[in-house]
Protein backbone atom coordinates (compact mmCIF):
# COMPACT_ATOMS: atom_id res chain seq x y z
CA MET A 1 8.45 -13.48 -6.05
CA PHE A 2 8.78 -12.86 -2.31
CA ILE A 3 12.56 -12.52 -2.52
CA ALA A 4 12.42 -10.25 -5.55
CA ALA A 5 9.91 -8.00 -3.35
CA MET A 6 12.41 -7.96 -0.33
CA LEU A 7 15.35 -6.97 -2.57
CA ILE A 8 13.10 -4.27 -4.25
CA PHE A 9 12.33 -2.92 -0.82
CA GLY A 10 16.01 -3.19 0.27
CA THR A 11 17.04 -0.61 -2.63
CA ILE A 12 14.57 2.21 -1.76
CA GLY A 13 17.20 3.91 0.37
CA VAL A 14 19.63 3.93 -2.49
CA PHE A 15 16.96 5.51 -4.84
CA ARG A 16 15.87 8.01 -2.34
CA ARG A 17 19.28 9.35 -1.99
CA ALA A 18 19.23 10.05 -5.70
CA ILE A 19 16.06 11.77 -5.96
CA PRO A 20 16.30 15.84 -5.22
CA LEU A 21 12.92 15.93 -4.06
CA SER A 22 11.45 16.65 -0.57
CA SER A 23 10.52 13.67 1.64
CA ALA A 24 6.89 14.76 1.91
CA PHE A 25 6.58 15.01 -1.72
CA LEU A 26 8.31 11.78 -2.35
CA ALA A 27 6.05 10.10 -0.03
CA SER A 28 2.85 11.53 -1.54
CA ALA A 29 4.02 10.52 -5.04
CA ARG A 30 4.91 7.04 -3.87
CA GLY A 31 1.48 6.41 -2.30
CA LEU A 32 -0.48 7.63 -5.18
CA LEU A 33 1.65 6.08 -8.02
CA GLY A 34 1.81 2.71 -6.13
CA GLY A 35 -1.87 2.83 -5.17
CA LEU A 36 -2.91 3.39 -8.82
CA PHE A 37 -0.70 0.62 -10.07
CA LEU A 38 -1.97 -1.69 -7.53
CA LEU A 39 -5.63 -0.67 -8.39
CA ALA A 40 -5.04 -1.27 -12.15
CA PHE A 41 -3.23 -4.68 -11.40
CA THR A 42 -6.19 -5.90 -9.29
CA ARG A 43 -8.62 -5.08 -12.02
CA LEU A 44 -6.65 -6.69 -14.49
CA ARG A 45 -6.22 -9.83 -12.37
CA GLY A 46 -9.83 -9.70 -11.51
CA LYS A 47 -9.09 -9.40 -7.90
CA GLY A 48 -10.89 -6.04 -7.40
CA GLY A 49 -14.65 -7.04 -7.70
CA GLY A 50 -15.54 -7.70 -4.15
CA ARG A 51 -18.12 -6.07 -2.24
CA PRO A 52 -17.79 -2.52 -1.39
CA MET A 53 -16.35 -1.51 1.80
CA PRO A 54 -18.55 -0.25 4.93
CA PRO A 55 -17.71 3.57 5.14
CA ARG A 56 -16.52 2.93 8.67
CA LEU A 57 -13.87 0.37 7.35
CA MET A 58 -12.98 2.59 4.49
CA LEU A 59 -12.44 5.46 7.11
CA ARG A 60 -10.51 3.09 9.14
CA LEU A 61 -8.22 2.04 6.45
CA ALA A 62 -7.77 5.60 5.31
CA GLY A 63 -6.50 6.48 8.81
CA THR A 64 -3.83 3.79 8.76
CA GLY A 65 -2.96 5.01 5.15
CA ALA A 66 -2.23 8.31 6.67
CA MET A 67 0.01 6.80 9.13
CA ILE A 68 1.73 5.22 6.21
CA GLY A 69 2.41 8.31 4.51
CA LEU A 70 3.77 10.02 7.62
CA ASN A 71 5.76 6.88 8.22
CA TRP A 72 7.43 7.09 4.89
CA MET A 73 8.22 10.84 5.11
CA LEU A 74 10.10 10.23 8.58
CA LEU A 75 11.95 7.21 7.09
CA PHE A 76 12.76 9.13 3.76
CA GLU A 77 14.12 12.22 5.92
CA ALA A 78 16.10 9.73 8.21
CA TYR A 79 18.06 8.65 4.74
CA ASN A 80 18.87 12.27 4.71
CA HIS A 81 20.31 12.62 8.16
CA THR A 82 22.15 9.20 8.57
CA THR A 83 23.30 6.41 6.47
CA VAL A 84 20.75 4.08 4.81
CA ALA A 85 22.15 1.39 6.69
CA VAL A 86 21.42 2.91 10.16
CA ALA A 87 18.04 4.26 9.21
CA THR A 88 17.09 0.91 7.69
CA LEU A 89 18.09 -0.74 11.17
CA CYS A 90 16.05 1.86 13.22
CA TYR A 91 13.02 1.03 10.90
CA TYR A 92 13.36 -2.56 11.83
CA MET A 93 12.78 -1.84 15.56
CA GLN A 94 9.15 -1.92 14.69
CA PRO A 95 8.66 -5.54 15.85
CA THR A 96 10.15 -4.69 19.27
CA ILE A 97 7.92 -1.58 19.55
CA GLU A 98 4.98 -3.49 18.49
CA MET A 99 5.79 -6.28 21.00
CA LEU A 100 6.17 -3.51 23.68
CA LEU A 101 2.59 -2.30 23.00
CA SER A 102 1.08 -5.69 22.76
CA PRO A 103 0.27 -5.76 26.58
CA LEU A 104 -1.82 -2.59 26.11
CA VAL A 105 -3.44 -3.33 22.72
CA PHE A 106 -3.95 -7.15 22.69
CA ARG A 107 -3.59 -7.66 26.62
CA GLU A 108 -0.85 -10.08 25.98
CA ARG A 109 1.82 -10.93 28.64
CA LEU A 110 5.35 -9.69 28.34
CA THR A 111 7.45 -12.93 28.70
CA GLY A 112 11.04 -13.15 29.90
CA ARG A 113 12.03 -14.11 26.40
CA LYS A 114 10.48 -10.99 24.89
CA ILE A 115 11.97 -8.66 27.58
CA ILE A 116 15.24 -10.17 26.71
CA CYS A 117 14.79 -9.64 23.04
CA ALA A 118 13.72 -5.99 23.72
CA LEU A 119 16.92 -5.38 25.66
CA VAL A 120 19.17 -7.00 23.04
CA SER A 121 17.37 -4.91 20.11
CA LEU A 122 18.01 -1.88 22.50
CA ILE A 123 21.86 -2.63 22.89
CA GLY A 124 22.01 -3.04 19.01
CA MET A 125 20.15 0.19 18.62
CA ILE A 126 22.90 2.06 20.88
CA LEU A 127 25.70 0.38 18.99
CA ILE A 128 24.56 1.55 15.42
CA SER A 129 23.41 4.87 16.55
CA GLY A 130 27.14 5.97 17.80
CA VAL A 131 25.49 7.97 20.33
CA ALA A 132 28.23 7.30 22.78
CA GLU A 133 30.95 8.69 20.58
CA GLY A 134 29.68 12.26 20.59
CA GLY A 135 30.76 14.98 18.19
CA ALA A 136 28.87 17.17 15.65
CA SER A 137 28.65 14.33 13.09
CA GLN A 138 27.16 12.05 15.75
CA ARG A 139 24.51 14.63 16.61
CA GLN A 140 23.55 14.68 12.96
CA ASN A 141 23.54 10.84 12.95
CA LEU A 142 21.24 10.97 16.04
CA SER A 143 18.60 12.94 14.28
CA GLY A 144 18.64 10.32 11.50
CA VAL A 145 18.25 7.65 14.34
CA LEU A 146 15.30 9.50 15.97
CA LEU A 147 13.62 9.76 12.58
CA GLY A 148 14.04 6.32 11.78
CA LEU A 149 12.44 5.24 15.28
CA GLY A 150 9.67 7.44 14.69
CA ALA A 151 8.93 5.73 11.49
CA ALA A 152 9.26 2.44 13.13
CA ALA A 153 6.64 3.50 15.76
CA LEU A 154 4.12 4.63 13.05
CA TYR A 155 4.79 1.48 11.11
CA ALA A 156 4.24 -0.63 14.35
CA GLY A 157 0.85 1.20 14.60
CA VAL A 158 -0.05 0.23 11.18
CA VAL A 159 0.68 -3.35 11.71
CA ILE A 160 -1.44 -3.29 14.84
CA MET A 161 -4.44 -1.73 13.13
CA ASN A 162 -4.19 -4.25 10.45
CA LYS A 163 -4.09 -7.00 12.71
CA LYS A 164 -7.27 -5.59 14.26
CA THR A 165 -8.80 -5.34 10.77
CA ARG A 166 -9.66 -8.55 9.75
CA GLY A 167 -11.94 -9.98 6.75
CA VAL A 168 -10.61 -7.71 4.11
CA ASP A 169 -8.82 -8.66 1.12
CA ALA A 170 -5.04 -7.66 1.33
CA TYR A 171 -5.07 -6.06 -2.10
CA GLN A 172 -7.99 -4.19 -1.61
CA ARG A 173 -6.92 -2.96 1.84
CA THR A 174 -3.52 -1.93 0.53
CA THR A 175 -4.75 -0.07 -2.24
CA VAL A 176 -7.04 2.07 -0.13
CA GLN A 177 -4.15 2.57 2.24
CA LEU A 178 -1.60 3.55 -0.43
CA LEU A 179 -4.01 6.09 -1.98
CA ALA A 180 -4.71 7.52 1.33
CA ALA A 181 -1.02 7.61 2.18
CA GLY A 182 -0.41 9.72 -1.08
CA THR A 183 -3.37 11.88 -0.43
CA VAL A 184 -3.08 12.82 3.02
CA MET A 185 0.55 14.31 2.30
CA LEU A 186 -0.95 16.74 -0.26
CA PRO A 187 -2.52 19.17 2.34
CA TYR A 188 0.77 19.11 4.37
CA LEU A 189 2.68 20.11 1.18
CA LEU A 190 0.25 23.00 0.48
CA MET A 191 0.48 24.27 4.14
CA THR A 192 4.60 24.15 3.92
CA ASP A 193 5.15 25.19 0.28
CA GLY A 194 6.25 21.85 -0.47
CA PHE A 195 5.60 22.27 -4.12
CA SER A 196 7.62 25.34 -4.39
CA GLY A 197 10.93 23.36 -4.48
CA VAL A 198 9.90 20.76 -7.08
CA ALA A 199 12.04 20.90 -10.13
CA PHE A 200 11.66 17.79 -12.29
CA THR A 201 14.70 16.61 -14.38
CA PRO A 202 14.33 13.71 -16.70
CA ALA A 203 16.40 11.62 -14.39
CA ALA A 204 14.52 12.71 -11.24
CA LEU A 205 11.08 11.88 -12.83
CA ALA A 206 12.36 8.52 -13.99
CA LEU A 207 13.61 7.52 -10.34
CA LEU A 208 10.33 8.93 -8.93
CA LEU A 209 8.31 6.77 -11.23
CA VAL A 210 10.52 3.57 -10.34
CA VAL A 211 9.94 4.32 -6.59
CA GLY A 212 6.20 4.65 -7.09
CA ILE A 213 5.52 1.84 -9.49
CA VAL A 214 8.27 -0.55 -8.86
CA HIS A 215 9.22 -0.05 -5.15
CA THR A 216 5.57 0.17 -4.18
CA GLY A 217 2.86 -1.04 -6.76
CA LEU A 218 4.79 -3.77 -8.31
CA ALA A 219 6.69 -4.87 -4.98
CA TYR A 220 3.37 -5.11 -3.11
CA ALA A 221 1.71 -7.11 -5.93
CA LEU A 222 4.88 -9.55 -5.81
CA TYR A 223 4.56 -9.66 -1.94
CA PHE A 224 0.92 -10.49 -1.88
CA GLY A 225 1.09 -12.90 -4.86
CA SER A 226 3.63 -15.07 -3.14
CA MET A 227 1.84 -15.33 0.12
CA GLU A 228 -0.33 -18.43 -0.78
CA GLY A 229 2.80 -20.46 -1.75
CA LEU A 230 4.78 -19.89 1.44
CA ALA A 231 4.48 -21.38 5.00
CA VAL A 232 4.17 -18.68 7.60
CA GLN A 233 7.58 -19.30 9.16
CA SER A 234 9.33 -19.01 5.66
CA ILE A 235 7.67 -15.50 5.30
CA ALA A 236 9.06 -14.47 8.77
CA MET A 237 12.34 -15.49 7.89
CA LEU A 238 12.74 -14.37 4.39
CA SER A 239 11.41 -10.96 5.33
CA TYR A 240 14.81 -9.94 6.65
CA ILE A 241 16.33 -10.18 3.22
CA ASP A 242 14.96 -6.45 3.00
CA PRO A 243 17.24 -4.93 5.78
CA VAL A 244 20.21 -7.25 5.09
CA SER A 245 20.15 -6.20 1.42
CA ALA A 246 19.75 -2.54 2.26
CA LEU A 247 22.97 -2.84 4.42
CA LEU A 248 24.86 -4.56 1.80
CA PHE A 249 23.64 -2.09 -1.19
CA SER A 250 24.40 0.99 0.94
CA ALA A 251 27.79 -0.42 1.43
CA MET A 252 28.43 -1.34 -2.28
CA LEU A 253 26.57 1.26 -4.01
CA LEU A 254 26.78 4.28 -1.89
CA LYS A 255 30.17 3.38 -0.27
CA GLU A 256 28.72 4.18 3.16
CA PRO A 257 30.99 2.87 6.06
CA LEU A 258 29.81 -0.29 7.79
CA THR A 259 31.85 -0.54 10.91
CA GLY A 260 32.25 -3.62 13.27
CA MET A 261 29.84 -1.83 15.70
CA HIS A 262 27.41 -1.68 13.10
CA VAL A 263 27.59 -5.28 12.05
CA ILE A 264 27.01 -6.22 15.63
CA GLY A 265 24.31 -3.76 16.32
CA ALA A 266 22.80 -5.08 12.95
CA CYS A 267 22.93 -8.69 14.24
CA LEU A 268 21.59 -7.81 17.57
CA ILE A 269 18.40 -5.91 16.07
CA ILE A 270 17.68 -8.34 13.17
CA GLY A 271 18.25 -11.50 15.35
CA SER A 272 15.92 -10.20 18.14
CA ALA A 273 13.27 -9.08 15.76
CA MET A 274 13.40 -12.51 14.07
CA ILE A 275 12.95 -14.38 17.35
CA ILE A 276 10.05 -11.86 18.17
CA GLU A 277 8.41 -12.45 14.88
CA MET A 278 8.75 -16.24 14.91
CA GLY A 279 7.42 -16.36 18.44
CA GLN A 280 4.34 -14.50 17.25
CA LYS A 281 3.80 -16.47 14.15
CA ARG A 282 3.71 -19.59 16.39
CA SER A 283 1.38 -18.20 18.72
CA ASP A 284 -0.82 -17.17 15.88
C-alpha cells in the first residue's frame, strides 16, 4: 500500500503536463476532489466519527491547508518551467529547509552532520539547476527551480506545523487540510480571472479527476492505511520511491533529458535528505 502511494505520487508531474489548465485551478480542484474523496472514505470506514475539532484547531489546520494549496500551485507551475525531474528534486529540498529552520522553531542544535548534509544537498541543487551553464534556456530552467524551491519551503512549513499539532487523527486532519487547500485557491482564481481560460475536454476532465481522486484522495488513503504495519525507518526509506520514480517516469514517458550531472545531483539531494530524515526519526 505504501509503495503504491509513492508510485502514484511519483506520476503526478507526468499527469500535470497533460492537463491544459492553470496551476491554480488544478491545485484547487485537486484539494476539493481529494478532500471529498477522503471524507467519503473515512465515513465508509467508520473513521470519521471522532469528537468535533475545537474552532482554534480547525482554524490552524485550515491555515496549513492554505499553505498546501499554494505549495501545489508553485509545484505545478515549476513543472511548466523546467523538467519534471528537476522540479521534483527541488521539491525534495524540503527536509533540508526544515532542518535549517529547526533551531528557530524547535530550538534544536545544528550538528556537524546536519550542516554537511545541507551543503551536500546545496551542491546537488546547483548541479541539477544548470545555473552555471547560462543561456536563455537555463534562465527558463532557473525559474522552474525557484518555483520548486518555493513549493519546498511551503511544504517544510506544513510539516513543521503538523509536528506542532498533536493528538489529531491523521485522516481527519488531512481531510480538513485538503478541503482548505482547494477552497483557499477559489478567491485567487476569482481575482485573477483564473476561470476565464478553463475549457474542459473529455480528456482534460478525465485527467483532472484522476489527479484529484487517485493522486490525492486514494493515495493519501493508501499512505495512512499502511502506517500501522510499517516501522518508522521503513517509512523514511520507502518515501524516496516518490522522487526516484518521478525521475524515471519523466525520462521514460516524457523523454526528458537525464544527464550525468542530473543523476549526480539527484543522488546528492536524495542521499542527504535520507540521512536527515533517518536522523530525525531516530531522535523522535
